[in-house]
Amino acid sequence: MLSKQILRQTAISLALLAGLGSQALAADWQWATETEQRALADQLRQRIDQQLPRPSLSAPRGSAQVVLQPMFSAQAGSWPFEPFVNNGLFRAIASYQPSHPQAITISGGAITLEQLRQRLADASIIKPYKDGYLLSYPLMIAPGGALLVQNTKLYLYTPSGTALINQGTLSIRNATVQSVSEGDSADTDRPFRPFIIAWAGSSTEVSDSLLSKLGYNAHLSRGLTSARSAAQTSAPPAQVLIRDSRFDALSSVELQYAQASIERSEFTNLQQYGIDLQDSRLHLAHNRITQVRNQSGIRVRGSSSGLIAHNKVLQASKAGIEISDQQGDLVLADNQIGASKGNGVLLRNVGSNSASTLLLVGNLIGNNDASGIYADNLQRGYLIDNRIQGSPDYAISTLNPRDQRSELVIIGNTLSQIGNALIRTEGLQSLILGSNDYQLGPITQSVLVGDLLPLQSLLLDATYKRGCLIQVKPASATEAGFPRKRACSKTVLGATTGRNLNM
């Protein structure tokens, strides 16, 4: 139930309004319709659905050529290796190979691991091992080449500086790829573990497979990474297709400049981020991300757009989902986000491009250690039909520079078991509010604070007592301009208990 203080404020405000008489609707207050707002959100969702990445991978025909080539760090054509000069890779290679570092290069067709072993016929490079193969040299897939890791296990030997460097096609199907050290350690001045890097223009598929113990916290070496080199200015984005797979004990899955589709996969015990995307088109659906040790479960940055839907993101050390310095249309729909040590959803500098919009719809955000949704400079967003519960700070908190455009729509949400006020805004230029279910706790708990505190009784009168949607400009709206006559359908304000996340 509402606190006595809020009810008194509402009564005083209504008494004052009764004497104002009929007046024109001020620009600071405007009635809105829920049908229209939901239609705009649906249009955004449809636009995103039409633009989702659909990576297509096909291996080249014919048998690949296989050669050993010297690895250089600063010569013409050496750019695929240059980023790894200072991360321990070359030193690990030098400790294993007796002469100048060499890499296996695959080009002009496709090859399996068994075919690769037969071609090289050198156990110090690749050999049968346990229930698969042990690879001890770095391997580069050139444009037009393909490595097929299918129905087997590929062990990447850590002390020798093993890595998979993809400029062509890497297909991992019904397979396991993991690092192994056999009790030896790499002779480097810093930690090293084998990794996979997919350069722009390449295609990488991980299907029905396990990737384990790959990568470390160094540039482009965090496990499974995609990137674009300065030497690839005209290359198309890397295509990354992940489905029905497991990722365990990687540093991160870090995808830059990619078209990425990740579905029905599980990410556990990752060191930095679960999935880290930058400047990419993305589709993340029906995945489970748990126990991310140092950072957020999912992070999206840069010029990125797409859909994050039906994922479970639990037990991240920072935010469940973090959107930072991002431009482009983005939808977060029907996710379960909980038990994070920070905010459920963290939004920072989102949508500086005036054409960008963020939609959070149908998400369950619960039992996080800070706020449910925390936004620092969100330019344009829709928060619709989310259930936010069990946060010690705010359900929704937004902070915006007062001199920048900012628009927010908050409708149809259920907010319960919140330690502080339910909704806080600072510096927001335009807010559309209504049809929310406010489930209050302590008798002194406020529904609205920040810029909305002076307007709380008026907004509750419009959205709760009358059951309307109203648009307000918090910085300039006054009681005198509040519209009197409007009747809609009553919304919900109560103190019931919300459902819990299944941890």
Protein backbone atom coordinates (compact mmCIF):
# COMPACT_ATOMS: atom_id res chain seq x y z
CA MET A 1 0.00 0.00 0.00
CA LEU A 2 1.09 3.62 -0.45
CA SER A 3 2.77 5.43 2.39
CA LYS A 4 0.66 7.95 4.31
CA GLN A 5 2.98 10.70 3.11
CA ILE A 6 2.27 9.94 -0.56
CA LEU A 7 -1.50 9.80 0.06
CA ARG A 8 -1.41 13.18 1.81
CA GLN A 9 0.55 14.71 -1.07
CA THR A 10 -1.98 13.33 -3.53
CA ALA A 11 -4.94 14.76 -1.59
CA ILE A 12 -3.35 18.22 -1.34
CA SER A 13 -2.50 18.26 -5.04
CA LEU A 14 -6.01 17.24 -6.08
CA ALA A 15 -7.53 19.94 -3.87
CA LEU A 16 -5.35 22.55 -5.54
CA LEU A 17 -6.23 21.24 -8.98
CA ALA A 18 -9.94 21.53 -8.24
CA GLY A 19 -9.62 25.32 -8.15
CA LEU A 20 -7.68 25.75 -11.34
CA GLY A 21 -10.64 25.48 -13.71
CA SER A 22 -10.50 24.34 -17.29
CA GLN A 23 -7.19 24.99 -19.05
CA ALA A 24 -5.29 23.98 -22.15
CA LEU A 25 -2.91 21.04 -21.82
CA ALA A 26 0.60 22.38 -21.21
CA ALA A 27 3.50 21.13 -23.31
CA ASP A 28 5.22 19.82 -20.17
CA TRP A 29 2.36 17.38 -19.64
CA GLN A 30 0.80 15.33 -22.43
CA TRP A 31 -1.45 12.32 -22.39
CA ALA A 32 -0.05 9.27 -24.19
CA THR A 33 -1.62 6.02 -25.35
CA GLU A 34 -0.30 2.61 -24.47
CA THR A 35 -1.32 1.21 -27.84
CA GLU A 36 0.85 3.74 -29.63
CA GLN A 37 3.90 3.17 -27.42
CA ARG A 38 3.68 -0.60 -27.74
CA ALA A 39 3.29 -0.26 -31.50
CA LEU A 40 6.50 1.78 -31.68
CA ALA A 41 8.31 -0.85 -29.62
CA ASP A 42 6.94 -3.62 -31.86
CA GLN A 43 8.19 -1.77 -34.93
CA LEU A 44 11.68 -1.66 -33.44
CA ARG A 45 11.54 -5.39 -32.69
CA GLN A 46 10.41 -6.18 -36.23
CA ARG A 47 13.18 -4.03 -37.70
CA ILE A 48 15.76 -5.83 -35.57
CA ASP A 49 14.38 -9.25 -36.54
CA GLN A 50 14.76 -8.40 -40.23
CA GLN A 51 18.38 -7.39 -39.74
CA LEU A 52 19.57 -10.29 -37.60
CA PRO A 53 22.85 -11.85 -38.75
CA ARG A 54 22.50 -15.20 -40.46
CA PRO A 55 26.04 -16.53 -40.89
CA SER A 56 26.42 -19.12 -43.62
CA LEU A 57 29.44 -21.38 -43.59
CA SER A 58 30.56 -23.71 -46.35
CA ALA A 59 33.96 -25.35 -46.63
CA PRO A 60 35.86 -24.90 -49.90
CA ARG A 61 36.06 -27.86 -52.23
CA GLY A 62 39.21 -29.81 -52.87
CA SER A 63 42.08 -30.93 -50.68
CA ALA A 64 44.00 -28.18 -48.93
CA GLN A 65 47.66 -27.40 -49.38
CA VAL A 66 49.68 -27.67 -46.18
CA VAL A 67 53.05 -25.98 -45.66
CA LEU A 68 55.25 -24.86 -42.79
CA GLN A 69 56.02 -21.17 -43.04
CA PRO A 70 58.22 -18.87 -40.94
CA MET A 71 56.39 -16.55 -38.56
CA PHE A 72 57.48 -12.90 -38.65
CA SER A 73 56.33 -10.15 -36.33
CA ALA A 74 57.10 -7.04 -38.37
CA GLN A 75 57.37 -7.73 -42.09
CA ALA A 76 55.07 -7.43 -45.09
CA GLY A 77 52.23 -9.90 -44.72
CA SER A 78 52.99 -10.58 -41.05
CA TRP A 79 49.96 -8.70 -39.70
CA PRO A 80 48.05 -11.86 -38.58
CA PHE A 81 50.82 -12.47 -36.01
CA GLU A 82 51.80 -8.91 -35.06
CA PRO A 83 49.23 -8.46 -32.24
CA PHE A 84 50.75 -11.41 -30.39
CA VAL A 85 54.36 -10.20 -30.24
CA ASN A 86 54.04 -8.97 -26.66
CA ASN A 87 51.59 -11.48 -25.21
CA GLY A 88 53.92 -14.45 -24.73
CA LEU A 89 53.07 -16.40 -27.89
CA PHE A 90 56.41 -16.00 -29.67
CA ARG A 91 58.41 -16.76 -26.56
CA ALA A 92 56.41 -19.93 -25.93
CA ILE A 93 56.97 -20.99 -29.56
CA ALA A 94 60.70 -20.27 -29.31
CA SER A 95 61.00 -22.46 -26.22
CA TYR A 96 59.59 -25.43 -28.16
CA GLN A 97 60.77 -25.05 -31.75
CA PRO A 98 64.56 -25.45 -32.25
CA SER A 99 64.88 -22.84 -35.01
CA HIS A 100 63.02 -19.75 -36.25
CA PRO A 101 59.30 -20.02 -35.27
CA GLN A 102 57.13 -21.70 -37.88
CA ALA A 103 53.38 -22.09 -38.30
CA ILE A 104 51.31 -24.60 -40.24
CA THR A 105 49.47 -22.86 -43.07
CA ILE A 106 46.37 -24.36 -44.70
CA SER A 107 45.19 -22.94 -48.03
CA GLY A 108 43.31 -23.79 -51.21
CA GLY A 109 40.83 -26.34 -49.84
CA ALA A 110 39.70 -28.26 -46.76
CA ILE A 111 41.48 -30.74 -44.53
CA THR A 112 40.67 -32.88 -41.48
CA LEU A 113 42.96 -33.47 -38.51
CA GLU A 114 43.81 -37.00 -39.63
CA GLN A 115 44.69 -35.77 -43.12
CA LEU A 116 46.79 -33.01 -41.57
CA ARG A 117 48.69 -35.55 -39.44
CA GLN A 118 49.38 -37.73 -42.46
CA ARG A 119 50.60 -34.79 -44.56
CA LEU A 120 53.01 -33.47 -41.94
CA ALA A 121 54.13 -36.88 -40.61
CA ASP A 122 55.89 -35.24 -37.68
CA ALA A 123 54.83 -36.14 -34.14
CA SER A 124 56.44 -32.99 -32.78
CA ILE A 125 53.84 -30.99 -34.75
CA ILE A 126 50.69 -33.13 -34.56
CA LYS A 127 50.16 -36.66 -33.31
CA PRO A 128 47.44 -38.99 -32.03
CA TYR A 129 46.77 -38.26 -28.38
CA LYS A 130 44.29 -39.92 -26.01
CA ASP A 131 40.99 -39.94 -27.91
CA GLY A 132 41.99 -37.33 -30.49
CA TYR A 133 45.03 -35.33 -31.64
CA LEU A 134 47.67 -33.17 -29.96
CA LEU A 135 48.68 -30.06 -31.92
CA SER A 136 51.94 -28.41 -30.89
CA TYR A 137 52.48 -25.75 -33.58
CA PRO A 138 50.50 -22.58 -34.31
CA LEU A 139 48.16 -23.15 -37.23
CA MET A 140 46.96 -20.50 -39.67
CA ILE A 141 44.00 -21.05 -41.98
CA ALA A 142 44.58 -18.82 -45.00
CA PRO A 143 41.77 -17.31 -47.10
CA GLY A 144 40.32 -20.13 -49.19
CA GLY A 145 41.46 -22.77 -46.70
CA ALA A 146 39.41 -24.73 -44.17
CA LEU A 147 40.20 -26.84 -41.12
CA LEU A 148 37.54 -29.41 -40.25
CA VAL A 149 37.57 -30.46 -36.60
CA GLN A 150 34.70 -32.91 -36.59
CA ASN A 151 33.76 -35.93 -34.47
CA THR A 152 37.05 -35.88 -32.57
CA LYS A 153 39.03 -34.05 -29.89
CA LEU A 154 41.75 -31.52 -30.56
CA TYR A 155 44.21 -30.86 -27.74
CA LEU A 156 46.28 -27.68 -28.04
CA TYR A 157 49.65 -28.00 -26.32
CA THR A 158 50.22 -25.02 -24.04
CA PRO A 159 54.05 -25.03 -23.58
CA SER A 160 54.66 -24.90 -27.35
CA GLY A 161 52.63 -21.74 -28.03
CA THR A 162 49.80 -23.39 -29.95
CA ALA A 163 47.07 -21.17 -31.43
CA LEU A 164 44.49 -21.37 -34.24
CA ILE A 165 44.59 -18.28 -36.46
CA ASN A 166 41.69 -18.20 -38.89
CA GLN A 167 41.48 -16.19 -42.08
CA GLY A 168 39.46 -18.83 -43.91
CA THR A 169 37.00 -21.36 -42.49
CA LEU A 170 37.19 -23.16 -39.15
CA SER A 171 34.49 -25.76 -38.59
CA ILE A 172 34.23 -27.38 -35.15
CA ARG A 173 31.38 -29.91 -35.11
CA ASN A 174 30.65 -32.56 -32.51
CA ALA A 175 34.16 -32.03 -31.20
CA THR A 176 36.20 -30.86 -28.24
CA VAL A 177 38.96 -28.25 -28.40
CA GLN A 178 40.92 -27.67 -25.21
CA SER A 179 44.37 -26.84 -23.96
CA VAL A 180 46.64 -29.36 -22.31
CA SER A 181 50.05 -28.98 -20.68
CA GLU A 182 50.94 -32.53 -19.52
CA GLY A 183 52.43 -31.00 -16.39
CA ASP A 184 54.80 -28.75 -18.35
CA SER A 185 54.66 -24.97 -18.32
CA ALA A 186 55.24 -22.46 -21.09
CA ASP A 187 58.61 -20.67 -20.95
CA THR A 188 57.18 -17.14 -20.96
CA ASP A 189 57.37 -14.10 -18.74
CA ARG A 190 53.55 -14.08 -18.41
CA PRO A 191 50.69 -16.59 -18.35
CA PHE A 192 49.87 -18.21 -21.69
CA ARG A 193 47.14 -20.55 -22.91
CA PRO A 194 46.24 -21.56 -26.46
CA PHE A 195 43.54 -19.50 -28.15
CA ILE A 196 41.49 -19.11 -31.34
CA ILE A 197 41.49 -15.84 -33.31
CA ALA A 198 39.15 -15.26 -36.28
CA TRP A 199 40.18 -12.36 -38.49
CA ALA A 200 37.77 -10.29 -40.56
CA GLY A 201 36.57 -12.12 -43.65
CA SER A 202 36.78 -15.50 -41.98
CA SER A 203 34.04 -17.96 -40.97
CA THR A 204 34.00 -19.86 -37.67
CA GLU A 205 31.48 -22.51 -36.66
CA VAL A 206 31.19 -24.17 -33.26
CA SER A 207 28.35 -26.68 -33.25
CA ASP A 208 27.52 -29.43 -30.73
CA SER A 209 31.00 -28.99 -29.28
CA LEU A 210 33.00 -28.14 -26.17
CA LEU A 211 35.68 -25.45 -25.94
CA SER A 212 37.60 -25.63 -22.66
CA LYS A 213 40.57 -23.99 -20.93
CA LEU A 214 41.39 -21.60 -23.76
CA GLY A 215 42.75 -18.06 -23.66
CA TYR A 216 44.08 -15.66 -21.07
CA ASN A 217 43.65 -11.97 -20.31
CA ALA A 218 45.72 -10.48 -23.12
CA HIS A 219 44.93 -8.60 -26.32
CA LEU A 220 42.99 -10.79 -28.81
CA SER A 221 43.95 -13.91 -26.86
CA ARG A 222 41.01 -14.44 -24.53
CA GLY A 223 39.82 -17.79 -25.85
CA LEU A 224 37.62 -17.35 -28.92
CA THR A 225 38.11 -13.92 -30.46
CA SER A 226 37.25 -12.16 -33.69
CA ALA A 227 38.84 -8.91 -34.84
CA ARG A 228 39.69 -6.72 -37.81
CA SER A 229 43.28 -5.67 -38.44
CA ALA A 230 44.29 -2.25 -39.71
CA ALA A 231 45.50 -4.16 -42.78
CA GLN A 232 41.91 -5.34 -43.46
CA THR A 233 40.10 -2.07 -44.07
CA SER A 234 37.95 -3.54 -46.86
CA ALA A 235 37.41 -7.00 -45.40
CA PRO A 236 33.86 -8.00 -44.43
CA PRO A 237 33.07 -8.82 -40.77
CA ALA A 238 34.02 -12.21 -39.44
CA GLN A 239 31.11 -14.65 -39.42
CA VAL A 240 30.72 -16.55 -36.16
CA LEU A 241 28.08 -19.25 -35.73
CA ILE A 242 27.77 -20.95 -32.34
CA ARG A 243 24.99 -23.37 -31.47
CA ASP A 244 24.33 -26.19 -29.01
CA SER A 245 27.82 -25.92 -27.52
CA ARG A 246 29.57 -25.48 -24.19
CA PHE A 247 32.31 -23.04 -23.24
CA ASP A 248 34.11 -23.72 -19.96
CA ALA A 249 37.01 -21.94 -18.26
CA LEU A 250 37.84 -19.55 -21.11
CA SER A 251 39.01 -16.02 -20.43
CA SER A 252 36.18 -14.68 -22.66
CA VAL A 253 34.34 -15.11 -25.91
CA GLU A 254 35.31 -11.74 -27.39
CA LEU A 255 33.80 -10.87 -30.77
CA GLN A 256 34.72 -7.64 -32.54
CA TYR A 257 33.65 -6.63 -36.05
CA ALA A 258 31.56 -9.77 -36.39
CA GLN A 259 28.23 -11.05 -37.53
CA ALA A 260 27.55 -13.33 -34.61
CA SER A 261 24.76 -15.84 -34.03
CA ILE A 262 24.99 -17.67 -30.69
CA GLU A 263 22.14 -20.02 -29.76
CA ARG A 264 21.37 -22.75 -27.22
CA SER A 265 24.86 -22.72 -25.72
CA GLU A 266 26.28 -22.66 -22.21
CA PHE A 267 29.08 -20.46 -20.88
CA THR A 268 30.42 -21.26 -17.41
CA ASN A 269 33.35 -20.27 -15.26
CA LEU A 270 34.71 -17.62 -17.63
CA GLN A 271 37.38 -15.29 -16.29
CA GLN A 272 36.55 -11.86 -17.76
CA TYR A 273 33.25 -11.62 -19.68
CA GLY A 274 30.95 -14.42 -20.71
CA ILE A 275 30.28 -12.93 -24.15
CA ASP A 276 31.91 -9.61 -25.08
CA LEU A 277 30.74 -7.97 -28.32
CA GLN A 278 31.95 -4.81 -30.03
CA ASP A 279 31.03 -3.24 -33.38
CA SER A 280 29.00 -6.29 -34.32
CA ARG A 281 25.60 -7.44 -35.49
CA LEU A 282 24.43 -9.99 -32.99
CA HIS A 283 21.79 -12.58 -32.21
CA LEU A 284 22.09 -14.23 -28.79
CA ALA A 285 19.21 -16.57 -27.96
CA HIS A 286 18.46 -19.38 -25.48
CA ASN A 287 21.94 -19.37 -23.93
CA ARG A 288 22.99 -19.81 -20.31
CA ILE A 289 25.83 -17.68 -18.92
CA THR A 290 26.84 -18.40 -15.32
CA GLN A 291 29.69 -17.80 -12.89
CA VAL A 292 31.61 -15.08 -14.72
CA ARG A 293 34.42 -14.33 -12.29
CA ASN A 294 35.64 -10.76 -12.88
CA GLN A 295 33.30 -8.83 -15.16
CA SER A 296 29.77 -8.86 -16.59
CA GLY A 297 27.94 -11.81 -18.07
CA ILE A 298 27.33 -10.13 -21.45
CA ARG A 299 28.85 -6.86 -22.65
CA VAL A 300 27.92 -4.97 -25.83
CA ARG A 301 29.94 -1.97 -27.05
CA GLY A 302 30.51 0.23 -30.07
CA SER A 303 28.39 0.25 -33.21
CA SER A 304 26.47 -2.88 -32.34
CA SER A 305 22.87 -3.86 -33.02
CA GLY A 306 20.72 -6.93 -32.69
CA LEU A 307 18.73 -9.13 -30.34
CA ILE A 308 19.54 -10.67 -26.95
CA ALA A 309 16.59 -12.92 -26.08
CA HIS A 310 15.61 -15.87 -23.85
CA ASN A 311 19.00 -16.07 -22.15
CA LYS A 312 19.73 -16.90 -18.51
CA VAL A 313 22.53 -14.72 -17.13
CA LEU A 314 23.32 -15.61 -13.52
CA GLN A 315 26.06 -15.02 -10.96
CA ALA A 316 28.21 -12.44 -12.74
CA SER A 317 30.78 -10.54 -10.72
CA LYS A 318 29.57 -7.22 -12.10
CA ALA A 319 26.42 -6.61 -14.15
CA GLY A 320 24.37 -9.39 -15.66
CA ILE A 321 24.20 -7.54 -18.99
CA GLU A 322 26.30 -4.43 -19.63
CA ILE A 323 25.77 -2.05 -22.56
CA SER A 324 28.57 0.53 -22.74
CA ASP A 325 29.40 3.30 -25.23
CA GLN A 326 27.02 1.68 -27.69
CA GLN A 327 25.19 2.93 -30.77
CA GLY A 328 22.59 1.07 -32.79
CA ASP A 329 19.17 -0.48 -32.24
CA LEU A 330 19.28 -3.17 -29.57
CA VAL A 331 16.60 -5.38 -28.02
CA LEU A 332 16.84 -7.31 -24.75
CA ALA A 333 13.77 -9.56 -24.55
CA ASP A 334 12.58 -12.34 -22.23
CA ASN A 335 15.92 -12.82 -20.47
CA GLN A 336 16.39 -13.98 -16.88
CA ILE A 337 19.09 -11.92 -15.18
CA GLY A 338 19.92 -12.57 -11.56
CA ALA A 339 22.34 -13.02 -8.66
CA SER A 340 24.84 -10.54 -10.09
CA LYS A 341 27.15 -8.70 -7.71
CA GLY A 342 26.39 -5.44 -9.50
CA ASN A 343 23.34 -4.19 -11.38
CA GLY A 344 21.08 -6.54 -13.26
CA VAL A 345 21.37 -4.42 -16.42
CA LEU A 346 23.99 -1.66 -16.65
CA LEU A 347 23.57 0.96 -19.39
CA ARG A 348 26.36 3.50 -19.85
CA ASN A 349 26.51 6.06 -22.67
CA VAL A 350 23.93 4.22 -24.76
CA GLY A 351 22.46 5.57 -27.98
CA SER A 352 24.47 8.75 -28.57
CA ASN A 353 23.41 8.35 -32.20
CA SER A 354 19.96 9.98 -32.41
CA ALA A 355 18.71 7.08 -34.54
CA SER A 356 19.52 4.48 -31.89
CA THR A 357 16.90 2.94 -29.61
CA LEU A 358 17.14 0.42 -26.78
CA LEU A 359 14.20 -1.85 -25.90
CA LEU A 360 14.03 -3.96 -22.74
CA VAL A 361 10.87 -6.06 -22.84
CA GLY A 362 9.63 -9.04 -20.87
CA ASN A 363 12.82 -9.56 -18.84
CA LEU A 364 12.92 -11.02 -15.33
CA ILE A 365 15.60 -9.14 -13.38
CA GLY A 366 15.97 -10.27 -9.80
CA ASN A 367 18.15 -10.66 -6.73
CA ASN A 368 21.04 -8.53 -7.95
CA ASP A 369 23.25 -6.69 -5.45
CA ALA A 370 22.61 -3.15 -6.75
CA SER A 371 19.78 -1.82 -8.96
CA GLY A 372 17.67 -3.81 -11.37
CA ILE A 373 18.32 -1.44 -14.28
CA TYR A 374 20.93 1.30 -13.87
CA ALA A 375 21.36 3.76 -16.73
CA ASP A 376 24.04 6.45 -16.92
CA ASN A 377 23.34 8.56 -20.02
CA LEU A 378 20.68 6.55 -21.85
CA GLN A 379 19.46 8.63 -24.77
CA ARG A 380 16.34 6.75 -25.90
CA GLY A 381 14.83 3.66 -24.35
CA TYR A 382 11.71 1.58 -23.81
CA LEU A 383 11.24 -0.45 -20.61
CA ILE A 384 8.13 -2.56 -21.16
CA ASP A 385 6.65 -5.55 -19.30
CA ASN A 386 9.74 -6.29 -17.25
CA ARG A 387 9.60 -7.83 -13.77
CA ILE A 388 12.23 -6.33 -11.49
CA GLN A 389 12.51 -7.65 -7.95
CA GLY A 390 14.84 -8.19 -5.04
CA SER A 391 17.25 -5.27 -5.59
CA PRO A 392 18.59 -3.39 -2.55
CA ASP A 393 18.97 -0.12 -4.45
CA TYR A 394 16.47 0.99 -7.12
CA ALA A 395 14.35 -1.01 -9.50
CA ILE A 396 15.09 1.55 -12.25
CA SER A 397 17.66 4.32 -11.92
CA THR A 398 18.58 6.74 -14.72
CA LEU A 399 21.13 9.56 -14.66
CA ASN A 400 21.39 11.84 -17.69
CA PRO A 401 23.28 15.04 -18.55
CA ARG A 402 20.68 17.78 -18.42
CA ASP A 403 21.86 19.38 -21.65
CA GLN A 404 21.41 16.23 -23.79
CA ARG A 405 18.32 14.69 -25.35
CA SER A 406 16.95 11.80 -23.36
CA GLU A 407 13.63 9.98 -23.71
CA LEU A 408 12.37 7.05 -21.68
CA VAL A 409 9.16 5.01 -21.78
CA ILE A 410 8.33 2.94 -18.67
CA ILE A 411 5.09 0.96 -19.05
CA GLY A 412 3.72 -2.41 -17.98
CA ASN A 413 6.52 -3.25 -15.53
CA THR A 414 6.17 -5.01 -12.17
CA LEU A 415 8.50 -3.64 -9.49
CA SER A 416 8.70 -5.42 -6.14
CA GLN A 417 10.93 -6.13 -3.15
CA ILE A 418 13.09 -3.07 -3.77
CA GLY A 419 15.24 -1.61 -1.01
CA ASN A 420 15.17 2.02 -2.10
CA ALA A 421 12.65 3.94 -4.20
CA LEU A 422 11.19 2.09 -7.17
CA ILE A 423 12.11 4.59 -9.91
CA ARG A 424 14.76 7.33 -9.82
CA THR A 425 15.51 9.76 -12.65
CA GLU A 426 17.99 12.66 -12.84
CA GLY A 427 18.32 14.91 -15.88
CA LEU A 428 15.75 13.02 -17.97
CA GLN A 429 14.13 15.30 -20.56
CA SER A 430 11.03 13.24 -21.38
CA LEU A 431 9.31 10.39 -19.57
CA ILE A 432 6.22 8.39 -20.56
CA LEU A 433 4.87 6.52 -17.56
CA GLY A 434 1.91 4.26 -16.84
CA SER A 435 0.40 0.79 -16.42
CA ASN A 436 3.11 -0.27 -13.97
CA ASP A 437 2.55 -2.53 -10.97
CA TYR A 438 4.23 -0.91 -7.95
CA GLN A 439 4.54 -3.40 -5.10
CA LEU A 440 5.73 -1.37 -2.12
CA GLY A 441 7.58 -2.62 0.92
CA PRO A 442 8.15 -0.36 3.94
CA ILE A 443 5.40 2.16 4.64
CA THR A 444 7.83 5.03 4.03
CA GLN A 445 9.03 3.75 0.63
CA SER A 446 8.69 6.17 -2.27
CA VAL A 447 7.63 5.17 -5.75
CA LEU A 448 9.41 8.04 -7.55
CA VAL A 449 12.48 10.05 -6.51
CA GLY A 450 15.06 12.33 -8.10
CA ASP A 451 13.59 14.79 -10.57
CA LEU A 452 10.24 13.02 -10.19
CA LEU A 453 9.90 13.49 -6.44
CA PRO A 454 8.19 16.91 -6.64
CA LEU A 455 5.82 15.44 -9.26
CA GLN A 456 5.20 12.13 -7.51
CA SER A 457 1.65 12.79 -6.33
CA LEU A 458 0.62 14.16 -9.72
CA LEU A 459 2.14 11.26 -11.63
CA LEU A 460 0.51 8.72 -9.33
CA ASP A 461 -2.81 10.48 -9.72
CA ALA A 462 -2.50 10.25 -13.51
CA THR A 463 -1.09 6.75 -13.78
CA TYR A 464 -2.56 4.98 -10.73
CA LYS A 465 -5.81 6.69 -9.77
CA ARG A 466 -6.89 7.45 -13.33
CA GLY A 467 -5.02 4.57 -14.97
CA CYS A 468 -3.59 6.69 -17.77
CA LEU A 469 -0.29 7.03 -19.57
CA ILE A 470 1.23 10.46 -19.32
CA GLN A 471 4.27 12.13 -20.82
CA VAL A 472 6.13 14.58 -18.64
CA LYS A 473 9.18 16.82 -18.92
CA PRO A 474 10.50 16.59 -15.36
CA ALA A 475 12.81 19.59 -15.53
CA SER A 476 10.08 22.10 -16.37
CA ALA A 477 6.76 20.49 -15.45
CA THR A 478 4.74 22.25 -12.76
CA GLU A 479 1.62 21.50 -10.80
CA ALA A 480 -0.16 24.40 -12.45
CA GLY A 481 0.22 22.83 -15.87
CA PHE A 482 -1.07 19.41 -14.85
CA PRO A 483 -4.17 18.38 -16.91
CA ARG A 484 -7.34 17.86 -14.88
CA LYS A 485 -9.88 15.91 -16.83
CA ARG A 486 -8.95 12.46 -18.02
CA ALA A 487 -10.21 9.02 -17.07
CA CYS A 488 -8.61 5.79 -18.21
CA SER A 489 -8.49 2.34 -16.61
CA LYS A 490 -7.06 1.84 -13.16
CA THR A 491 -3.63 0.22 -12.83
CA VAL A 492 -2.21 -1.84 -9.99
CA LEU A 493 -0.57 -0.63 -6.80
CA GLY A 494 -0.10 -3.20 -4.10
CA ALA A 495 2.23 -5.16 -1.88
CA THR A 496 2.19 -8.68 -3.24
CA THR A 497 5.23 -10.90 -3.57
CA GLY A 498 6.89 -11.40 -6.95
CA ARG A 499 8.23 -14.71 -8.22
CA ASN A 500 11.87 -15.61 -7.77
CA LEU A 501 14.52 -16.53 -10.30
CA ASN A 502 15.34 -20.20 -10.49
CA MET A 503 19.04 -20.02 -9.61
